[in-house]
Every structure is written in structure tokens, then in C-alpha cells.
Amino acid sequence: MKDFLIFIVKHLVDNPDEVEVNEIGGETTLVLELRVAKSDIGKVIGRRGQNARSLRILLAGASKKLGKRVVLEILE
């Protein structure tokens, strides 16, 4: 799941080398903490949060296979 998120986000941002994802796993929930360059935060979130919402939808669909709920946190 972590690699999937990194792959998508690296194609959205101007500084792909600064994309970091920390994965915190529990029994039923997986938390993905996403960090990008300060100048790329707006691109990841998108207008009115549309990109962030789309990322969460993609992760939710992919997580069905794992049988877990995925939570995406975008950190500064």
C-alpha cells in the first residue's frame, strides 16, 4: 500500500525525491502518513481537497484486498 501511494504522489509533485510515507499498521486499520515538500502540499491536496479525496478513494479501493481500513494523513 505504501509503494502504491508513493508511486501516485511522485507523479503529482515537482519534488518527487522529497516524498516520504510512514506506515503505521494495526489489526484493522492502516495509517499512512504522507510528507512532501512544502511547495508541493497544494498539489497533493488540490483545489478544495479534490486530489486528497481522490487519493483516499484509491487507497480505500486497494485496501479491500487487505481487509483493512486505510487512513491517509497529509503532514507538513
PDB file of N, CA and C in Angstrom:
ATOM      1  N   MET A   1       0.831  -1.187   0.000  1.00  0.00           N
ATOM      2  CA  MET A   1       0.000   0.000   0.000  1.00  0.00           C
ATOM      3  C   MET A   1       0.880   1.255   0.000  1.00  0.00           C
ATOM      4  N   LYS A   2       1.957   1.198   0.764  1.00  0.00           N
ATOM      5  CA  LYS A   2       2.882   2.322   0.854  1.00  0.00           C
ATOM      6  C   LYS A   2       3.486   2.622  -0.523  1.00  0.00           C
ATOM      7  N   ASP A   3       3.925   1.585  -1.223  1.00  0.00           N
ATOM      8  CA  ASP A   3       4.534   1.766  -2.548  1.00  0.00           C
ATOM      9  C   ASP A   3       3.527   2.321  -3.553  1.00  0.00           C
ATOM     10  N   PHE A   4       2.283   1.888  -3.446  1.00  0.00           N
ATOM     11  CA  PHE A   4       1.216   2.372  -4.320  1.00  0.00           C
ATOM     12  C   PHE A   4       1.029   3.879  -4.142  1.00  0.00           C
ATOM     13  N   LEU A   5       0.976   4.334  -2.890  1.00  0.00           N
ATOM     14  CA  LEU A   5       0.808   5.759  -2.602  1.00  0.00           C
ATOM     15  C   LEU A   5       2.013   6.563  -3.087  1.00  0.00           C
ATOM     16  N   ILE A   6       3.213   6.060  -2.841  1.00  0.00           N
ATOM     17  CA  ILE A   6       4.424   6.758  -3.280  1.00  0.00           C
ATOM     18  C   ILE A   6       4.429   6.906  -4.797  1.00  0.00           C
ATOM     19  N   PHE A   7       4.072   5.851  -5.510  1.00  0.00           N
ATOM     20  CA  PHE A   7       4.041   5.878  -6.971  1.00  0.00           C
ATOM     21  C   PHE A   7       3.112   6.978  -7.484  1.00  0.00           C
ATOM     22  N   ILE A   8       1.925   7.055  -6.918  1.00  0.00           N
ATOM     23  CA  ILE A   8       0.949   8.053  -7.371  1.00  0.00           C
ATOM     24  C   ILE A   8       1.414   9.470  -7.039  1.00  0.00           C
ATOM     25  N   VAL A   9       1.842   9.687  -5.803  1.00  0.00           N
ATOM     26  CA  VAL A   9       2.189  11.038  -5.355  1.00  0.00           C
ATOM     27  C   VAL A   9       3.427  11.568  -6.081  1.00  0.00           C
ATOM     28  N   LYS A  10       4.393  10.704  -6.370  1.00  0.00           N
ATOM     29  CA  LYS A  10       5.597  11.161  -7.072  1.00  0.00           C
ATOM     30  C   LYS A  10       5.273  11.725  -8.451  1.00  0.00           C
ATOM     31  N   HIS A  11       4.170  11.277  -9.043  1.00  0.00           N
ATOM     32  CA  HIS A  11       3.774  11.794 -10.346  1.00  0.00           C
ATOM     33  C   HIS A  11       2.967  13.097 -10.240  1.00  0.00           C
ATOM     34  N   LEU A  12       2.559  13.461  -9.040  1.00  0.00           N
ATOM     35  CA  LEU A  12       1.798  14.695  -8.835  1.00  0.00           C
ATOM     36  C   LEU A  12       2.677  15.894  -8.493  1.00  0.00           C
ATOM     37  N   VAL A  13       3.815  15.645  -7.867  1.00  0.00           N
ATOM     38  CA  VAL A  13       4.610  16.726  -7.276  1.00  0.00           C
ATOM     39  C   VAL A  13       5.793  17.136  -8.153  1.00  0.00           C
ATOM     40  N   ASP A  14       6.356  18.309  -7.847  1.00  0.00           N
ATOM     41  CA  ASP A  14       7.544  18.802  -8.549  1.00  0.00           C
ATOM     42  C   ASP A  14       8.837  18.251  -7.953  1.00  0.00           C
ATOM     43  N   ASN A  15       8.796  17.861  -6.680  1.00  0.00           N
ATOM     44  CA  ASN A  15       9.980  17.340  -5.984  1.00  0.00           C
ATOM     45  C   ASN A  15       9.737  15.891  -5.543  1.00  0.00           C
ATOM     46  N   PRO A  16       9.788  14.939  -6.477  1.00  0.00           N
ATOM     47  CA  PRO A  16       9.464  13.554  -6.118  1.00  0.00           C
ATOM     48  C   PRO A  16      10.447  12.914  -5.140  1.00  0.00           C
ATOM     49  N   ASP A  17      11.668  13.458  -5.056  1.00  0.00           N
ATOM     50  CA  ASP A  17      12.652  12.893  -4.127  1.00  0.00           C
ATOM     51  C   ASP A  17      12.307  13.187  -2.670  1.00  0.00           C
ATOM     52  N   GLU A  18      11.435  14.150  -2.437  1.00  0.00           N
ATOM     53  CA  GLU A  18      11.083  14.527  -1.070  1.00  0.00           C
ATOM     54  C   GLU A  18       9.789  13.882  -0.579  1.00  0.00           C
ATOM     55  N   VAL A  19       9.259  12.935  -1.330  1.00  0.00           N
ATOM     56  CA  VAL A  19       8.039  12.229  -0.921  1.00  0.00           C
ATOM     57  C   VAL A  19       8.418  11.151   0.085  1.00  0.00           C
ATOM     58  N   GLU A  20       7.791  11.188   1.252  1.00  0.00           N
ATOM     59  CA  GLU A  20       8.027  10.193   2.300  1.00  0.00           C
ATOM     60  C   GLU A  20       6.686   9.681   2.804  1.00  0.00           C
ATOM     61  N   VAL A  21       6.606   8.375   3.007  1.00  0.00           N
ATOM     62  CA  VAL A  21       5.391   7.779   3.554  1.00  0.00           C
ATOM     63  C   VAL A  21       5.784   6.903   4.732  1.00  0.00           C
ATOM     64  N   ASN A  22       5.146   7.144   5.865  1.00  0.00           N
ATOM     65  CA  ASN A  22       5.343   6.325   7.053  1.00  0.00           C
ATOM     66  C   ASN A  22       4.085   5.483   7.240  1.00  0.00           C
ATOM     67  N   GLU A  23       4.266   4.187   7.396  1.00  0.00           N
ATOM     68  CA  GLU A  23       3.143   3.257   7.509  1.00  0.00           C
ATOM     69  C   GLU A  23       3.016   2.783   8.954  1.00  0.00           C
ATOM     70  N   ILE A  24       1.848   3.001   9.538  1.00  0.00           N
ATOM     71  CA  ILE A  24       1.577   2.562  10.907  1.00  0.00           C
ATOM     72  C   ILE A  24       0.435   1.562  10.830  1.00  0.00           C
ATOM     73  N   GLY A  25       0.740   0.312  11.122  1.00  0.00           N
ATOM     74  CA  GLY A  25      -0.262  -0.740  10.950  1.00  0.00           C
ATOM     75  C   GLY A  25      -0.852  -1.213  12.255  1.00  0.00           C
ATOM     76  N   GLY A  26      -2.140  -1.430  12.226  1.00  0.00           N
ATOM     77  CA  GLY A  26      -2.853  -2.042  13.330  1.00  0.00           C
ATOM     78  C   GLY A  26      -3.534  -3.295  12.816  1.00  0.00           C
ATOM     79  N   GLU A  27      -4.381  -3.891  13.624  1.00  0.00           N
ATOM     80  CA  GLU A  27      -5.065  -5.111  13.194  1.00  0.00           C
ATOM     81  C   GLU A  27      -6.102  -4.841  12.120  1.00  0.00           C
ATOM     82  N   THR A  28      -6.856  -3.765  12.273  1.00  0.00           N
ATOM     83  CA  THR A  28      -7.928  -3.489  11.313  1.00  0.00           C
ATOM     84  C   THR A  28      -7.729  -2.196  10.536  1.00  0.00           C
ATOM     85  N   THR A  29      -6.774  -1.374  10.967  1.00  0.00           N
ATOM     86  CA  THR A  29      -6.572  -0.074  10.335  1.00  0.00           C
ATOM     87  C   THR A  29      -5.103   0.123   9.984  1.00  0.00           C
ATOM     88  N   LEU A  30      -4.874   0.732   8.839  1.00  0.00           N
ATOM     89  CA  LEU A  30      -3.531   1.071   8.389  1.00  0.00           C
ATOM     90  C   LEU A  30      -3.487   2.581   8.195  1.00  0.00           C
ATOM     91  N   VAL A  31      -2.564   3.252   8.887  1.00  0.00           N
ATOM     92  CA  VAL A  31      -2.426   4.703   8.776  1.00  0.00           C
ATOM     93  C   VAL A  31      -1.202   4.998   7.917  1.00  0.00           C
ATOM     94  N   LEU A  32      -1.394   5.796   6.881  1.00  0.00           N
ATOM     95  CA  LEU A  32      -0.297   6.221   6.014  1.00  0.00           C
ATOM     96  C   LEU A  32      -0.085   7.715   6.218  1.00  0.00           C
ATOM     97  N   GLU A  33       1.093   8.079   6.719  1.00  0.00           N
ATOM     98  CA  GLU A  33       1.440   9.480   6.932  1.00  0.00           C
ATOM     99  C   GLU A  33       2.278   9.940   5.743  1.00  0.00           C
ATOM    100  N   LEU A  34       1.773  10.901   5.003  1.00  0.00           N
ATOM    101  CA  LEU A  34       2.426  11.387   3.791  1.00  0.00           C
ATOM    102  C   LEU A  34       3.087  12.732   4.056  1.00  0.00           C
ATOM    103  N   ARG A  35       4.364  12.824   3.705  1.00  0.00           N
ATOM    104  CA  ARG A  35       5.102  14.085   3.799  1.00  0.00           C
ATOM    105  C   ARG A  35       5.658  14.413   2.419  1.00  0.00           C
ATOM    106  N   VAL A  36       5.459  15.650   2.001  1.00  0.00           N
ATOM    107  CA  VAL A  36       6.011  16.137   0.734  1.00  0.00           C
ATOM    108  C   VAL A  36       6.665  17.490   0.992  1.00  0.00           C
ATOM    109  N   ALA A  37       7.370  18.006  -0.013  1.00  0.00           N
ATOM    110  CA  ALA A  37       7.984  19.333   0.111  1.00  0.00           C
ATOM    111  C   ALA A  37       6.890  20.371   0.357  1.00  0.00           C
ATOM    112  N   LYS A  38       7.249  21.390   1.089  1.00  0.00           N
ATOM    113  CA  LYS A  38       6.275  22.428   1.438  1.00  0.00           C
ATOM    114  C   LYS A  38       5.625  23.045   0.193  1.00  0.00           C
ATOM    115  N   SER A  39       6.392  23.179  -0.873  1.00  0.00           N
ATOM    116  CA  SER A  39       5.859  23.778  -2.103  1.00  0.00           C
ATOM    117  C   SER A  39       4.897  22.841  -2.839  1.00  0.00           C
ATOM    118  N   ASP A  40       4.889  21.564  -2.475  1.00  0.00           N
ATOM    119  CA  ASP A  40       4.033  20.581  -3.152  1.00  0.00           C
ATOM    120  C   ASP A  40       2.756  20.234  -2.389  1.00  0.00           C
ATOM    121  N   ILE A  41       2.592  20.765  -1.196  1.00  0.00           N
ATOM    122  CA  ILE A  41       1.409  20.452  -0.385  1.00  0.00           C
ATOM    123  C   ILE A  41       0.128  20.782  -1.145  1.00  0.00           C
ATOM    124  N   GLY A  42       0.097  21.932  -1.782  1.00  0.00           N
ATOM    125  CA  GLY A  42      -1.094  22.348  -2.522  1.00  0.00           C
ATOM    126  C   GLY A  42      -1.439  21.402  -3.658  1.00  0.00           C
ATOM    127  N   LYS A  43      -0.430  20.858  -4.306  1.00  0.00           N
ATOM    128  CA  LYS A  43      -0.673  19.924  -5.408  1.00  0.00           C
ATOM    129  C   LYS A  43      -1.248  18.611  -4.904  1.00  0.00           C
ATOM    130  N   VAL A  44      -0.784  18.168  -3.751  1.00  0.00           N
ATOM    131  CA  VAL A  44      -1.279  16.905  -3.189  1.00  0.00           C
ATOM    132  C   VAL A  44      -2.710  17.073  -2.687  1.00  0.00           C
ATOM    133  N   ILE A  45      -2.996  18.195  -2.058  1.00  0.00           N
ATOM    134  CA  ILE A  45      -4.346  18.428  -1.536  1.00  0.00           C
ATOM    135  C   ILE A  45      -5.302  18.785  -2.667  1.00  0.00           C
ATOM    136  N   GLY A  46      -4.871  19.637  -3.583  1.00  0.00           N
ATOM    137  CA  GLY A  46      -5.705  20.004  -4.723  1.00  0.00           C
ATOM    138  C   GLY A  46      -6.731  21.061  -4.374  1.00  0.00           C
ATOM    139  N   ARG A  47      -7.412  21.528  -5.403  1.00  0.00           N
ATOM    140  CA  ARG A  47      -8.434  22.556  -5.212  1.00  0.00           C
ATOM    141  C   ARG A  47      -9.596  21.975  -4.420  1.00  0.00           C
ATOM    142  N   ARG A  48      -9.915  22.626  -3.315  1.00  0.00           N
ATOM    143  CA  ARG A  48     -10.991  22.195  -2.402  1.00  0.00           C
ATOM    144  C   ARG A  48     -10.809  20.749  -1.943  1.00  0.00           C
ATOM    145  N   GLY A  49      -9.549  20.265  -1.903  1.00  0.00           N
ATOM    146  CA  GLY A  49      -9.273  18.927  -1.390  1.00  0.00           C
ATOM    147  C   GLY A  49      -9.564  17.797  -2.356  1.00  0.00           C
ATOM    148  N   GLN A  50      -9.747  18.113  -3.630  1.00  0.00           N
ATOM    149  CA  GLN A  50     -10.136  17.092  -4.603  1.00  0.00           C
ATOM    150  C   GLN A  50      -9.061  16.013  -4.782  1.00  0.00           C
ATOM    151  N   ASN A  51      -7.783  16.399  -4.863  1.00  0.00           N
ATOM    152  CA  ASN A  51      -6.721  15.400  -5.032  1.00  0.00           C
ATOM    153  C   ASN A  51      -6.600  14.513  -3.801  1.00  0.00           C
ATOM    154  N   ALA A  52      -6.676  15.111  -2.621  1.00  0.00           N
ATOM    155  CA  ALA A  52      -6.601  14.330  -1.385  1.00  0.00           C
ATOM    156  C   ALA A  52      -7.774  13.356  -1.304  1.00  0.00           C
ATOM    157  N   ARG A  53      -8.956  13.804  -1.673  1.00  0.00           N
ATOM    158  CA  ARG A  53     -10.142  12.943  -1.669  1.00  0.00           C
ATOM    159  C   ARG A  53      -9.958  11.778  -2.645  1.00  0.00           C
ATOM    160  N   SER A  54      -9.422  12.073  -3.823  1.00  0.00           N
ATOM    161  CA  SER A  54      -9.199  11.031  -4.825  1.00  0.00           C
ATOM    162  C   SER A  54      -8.171  10.011  -4.350  1.00  0.00           C
ATOM    163  N   LEU A  55      -7.108  10.484  -3.711  1.00  0.00           N
ATOM    164  CA  LEU A  55      -6.106   9.562  -3.162  1.00  0.00           C
ATOM    165  C   LEU A  55      -6.734   8.641  -2.120  1.00  0.00           C
ATOM    166  N   ARG A  56      -7.572   9.204  -1.265  1.00  0.00           N
ATOM    167  CA  ARG A  56      -8.228   8.392  -0.230  1.00  0.00           C
ATOM    168  C   ARG A  56      -9.166   7.355  -0.844  1.00  0.00           C
ATOM    169  N   ILE A  57      -9.858   7.715  -1.925  1.00  0.00           N
ATOM    170  CA  ILE A  57     -10.753   6.767  -2.598  1.00  0.00           C
ATOM    171  C   ILE A  57      -9.952   5.627  -3.215  1.00  0.00           C
ATOM    172  N   LEU A  58      -8.839   5.949  -3.873  1.00  0.00           N
ATOM    173  CA  LEU A  58      -7.985   4.914  -4.461  1.00  0.00           C
ATOM    174  C   LEU A  58      -7.435   3.976  -3.392  1.00  0.00           C
ATOM    175  N   LEU A  59      -6.994   4.546  -2.276  1.00  0.00           N
ATOM    176  CA  LEU A  59      -6.456   3.722  -1.191  1.00  0.00           C
ATOM    177  C   LEU A  59      -7.537   2.846  -0.569  1.00  0.00           C
ATOM    178  N   ALA A  60      -8.741   3.372  -0.449  1.00  0.00           N
ATOM    179  CA  ALA A  60      -9.846   2.582   0.111  1.00  0.00           C
ATOM    180  C   ALA A  60     -10.152   1.391  -0.785  1.00  0.00           C
ATOM    181  N   GLY A  61     -10.149   1.617  -2.099  1.00  0.00           N
ATOM    182  CA  GLY A  61     -10.405   0.523  -3.029  1.00  0.00           C
ATOM    183  C   GLY A  61      -9.312  -0.528  -2.985  1.00  0.00           C
ATOM    184  N   ALA A  62      -8.064  -0.082  -2.931  1.00  0.00           N
ATOM    185  CA  ALA A  62      -6.940  -1.017  -2.894  1.00  0.00           C
ATOM    186  C   ALA A  62      -6.876  -1.766  -1.564  1.00  0.00           C
ATOM    187  N   SER A  63      -7.354  -1.149  -0.493  1.00  0.00           N
ATOM    188  CA  SER A  63      -7.270  -1.784   0.824  1.00  0.00           C
ATOM    189  C   SER A  63      -8.301  -2.891   1.017  1.00  0.00           C
ATOM    190  N   LYS A  64      -9.313  -2.942   0.170  1.00  0.00           N
ATOM    191  CA  LYS A  64     -10.316  -4.011   0.271  1.00  0.00           C
ATOM    192  C   LYS A  64      -9.644  -5.372   0.177  1.00  0.00           C
ATOM    193  N   LYS A  65      -8.609  -5.456  -0.653  1.00  0.00           N
ATOM    194  CA  LYS A  65      -7.877  -6.705  -0.838  1.00  0.00           C
ATOM    195  C   LYS A  65      -7.193  -7.145   0.464  1.00  0.00           C
ATOM    196  N   LEU A  66      -6.743  -6.164   1.255  1.00  0.00           N
ATOM    197  CA  LEU A  66      -6.080  -6.457   2.524  1.00  0.00           C
ATOM    198  C   LEU A  66      -7.067  -6.725   3.654  1.00  0.00           C
ATOM    199  N   GLY A  67      -8.296  -6.289   3.469  1.00  0.00           N
ATOM    200  CA  GLY A  67      -9.288  -6.432   4.529  1.00  0.00           C
ATOM    201  C   GLY A  67      -9.074  -5.441   5.660  1.00  0.00           C
ATOM    202  N   LYS A  68      -8.430  -4.321   5.353  1.00  0.00           N
ATOM    203  CA  LYS A  68      -8.170  -3.292   6.359  1.00  0.00           C
ATOM    204  C   LYS A  68      -8.719  -1.956   5.884  1.00  0.00           C
ATOM    205  N   ARG A  69      -8.897  -1.063   6.827  1.00  0.00           N
ATOM    206  CA  ARG A  69      -9.288   0.316   6.527  1.00  0.00           C
ATOM    207  C   ARG A  69      -8.011   1.139   6.466  1.00  0.00           C
ATOM    208  N   VAL A  70      -7.889   1.992   5.458  1.00  0.00           N
ATOM    209  CA  VAL A  70      -6.695   2.819   5.298  1.00  0.00           C
ATOM    210  C   VAL A  70      -7.045   4.274   5.581  1.00  0.00           C
ATOM    211  N   VAL A  71      -6.211   4.921   6.392  1.00  0.00           N
ATOM    212  CA  VAL A  71      -6.370   6.335   6.719  1.00  0.00           C
ATOM    213  C   VAL A  71      -5.151   7.069   6.172  1.00  0.00           C
ATOM    214  N   LEU A  72      -5.386   8.095   5.362  1.00  0.00           N
ATOM    215  CA  LEU A  72      -4.300   8.905   4.811  1.00  0.00           C
ATOM    216  C   LEU A  72      -4.221  10.214   5.575  1.00  0.00           C
ATOM    217  N   GLU A  73      -3.041  10.485   6.129  1.00  0.00           N
ATOM    218  CA  GLU A  73      -2.787  11.756   6.809  1.00  0.00           C
ATOM    219  C   GLU A  73      -1.722  12.501   6.020  1.00  0.00           C
ATOM    220  N   ILE A  74      -2.020  13.723   5.628  1.00  0.00           N
ATOM    221  CA  ILE A  74      -1.062  14.546   4.894  1.00  0.00           C
ATOM    222  C   ILE A  74      -0.437  15.511   5.891  1.00  0.00           C
ATOM    223  N   LEU A  75       0.861  15.345   6.132  1.00  0.00           N
ATOM    224  CA  LEU A  75       1.570  16.125   7.143  1.00  0.00           C
ATOM    225  C   LEU A  75       2.452  17.176   6.489  1.00  0.00           C
ATOM    226  N   GLU A  76       2.700  18.259   7.224  1.00  0.00           N
ATOM    227  CA  GLU A  76       3.601  19.308   6.726  1.00  0.00           C
ATOM    228  C   GLU A  76       4.984  19.093   7.271  1.00  0.00           C
TER     229      GLU A  76
END
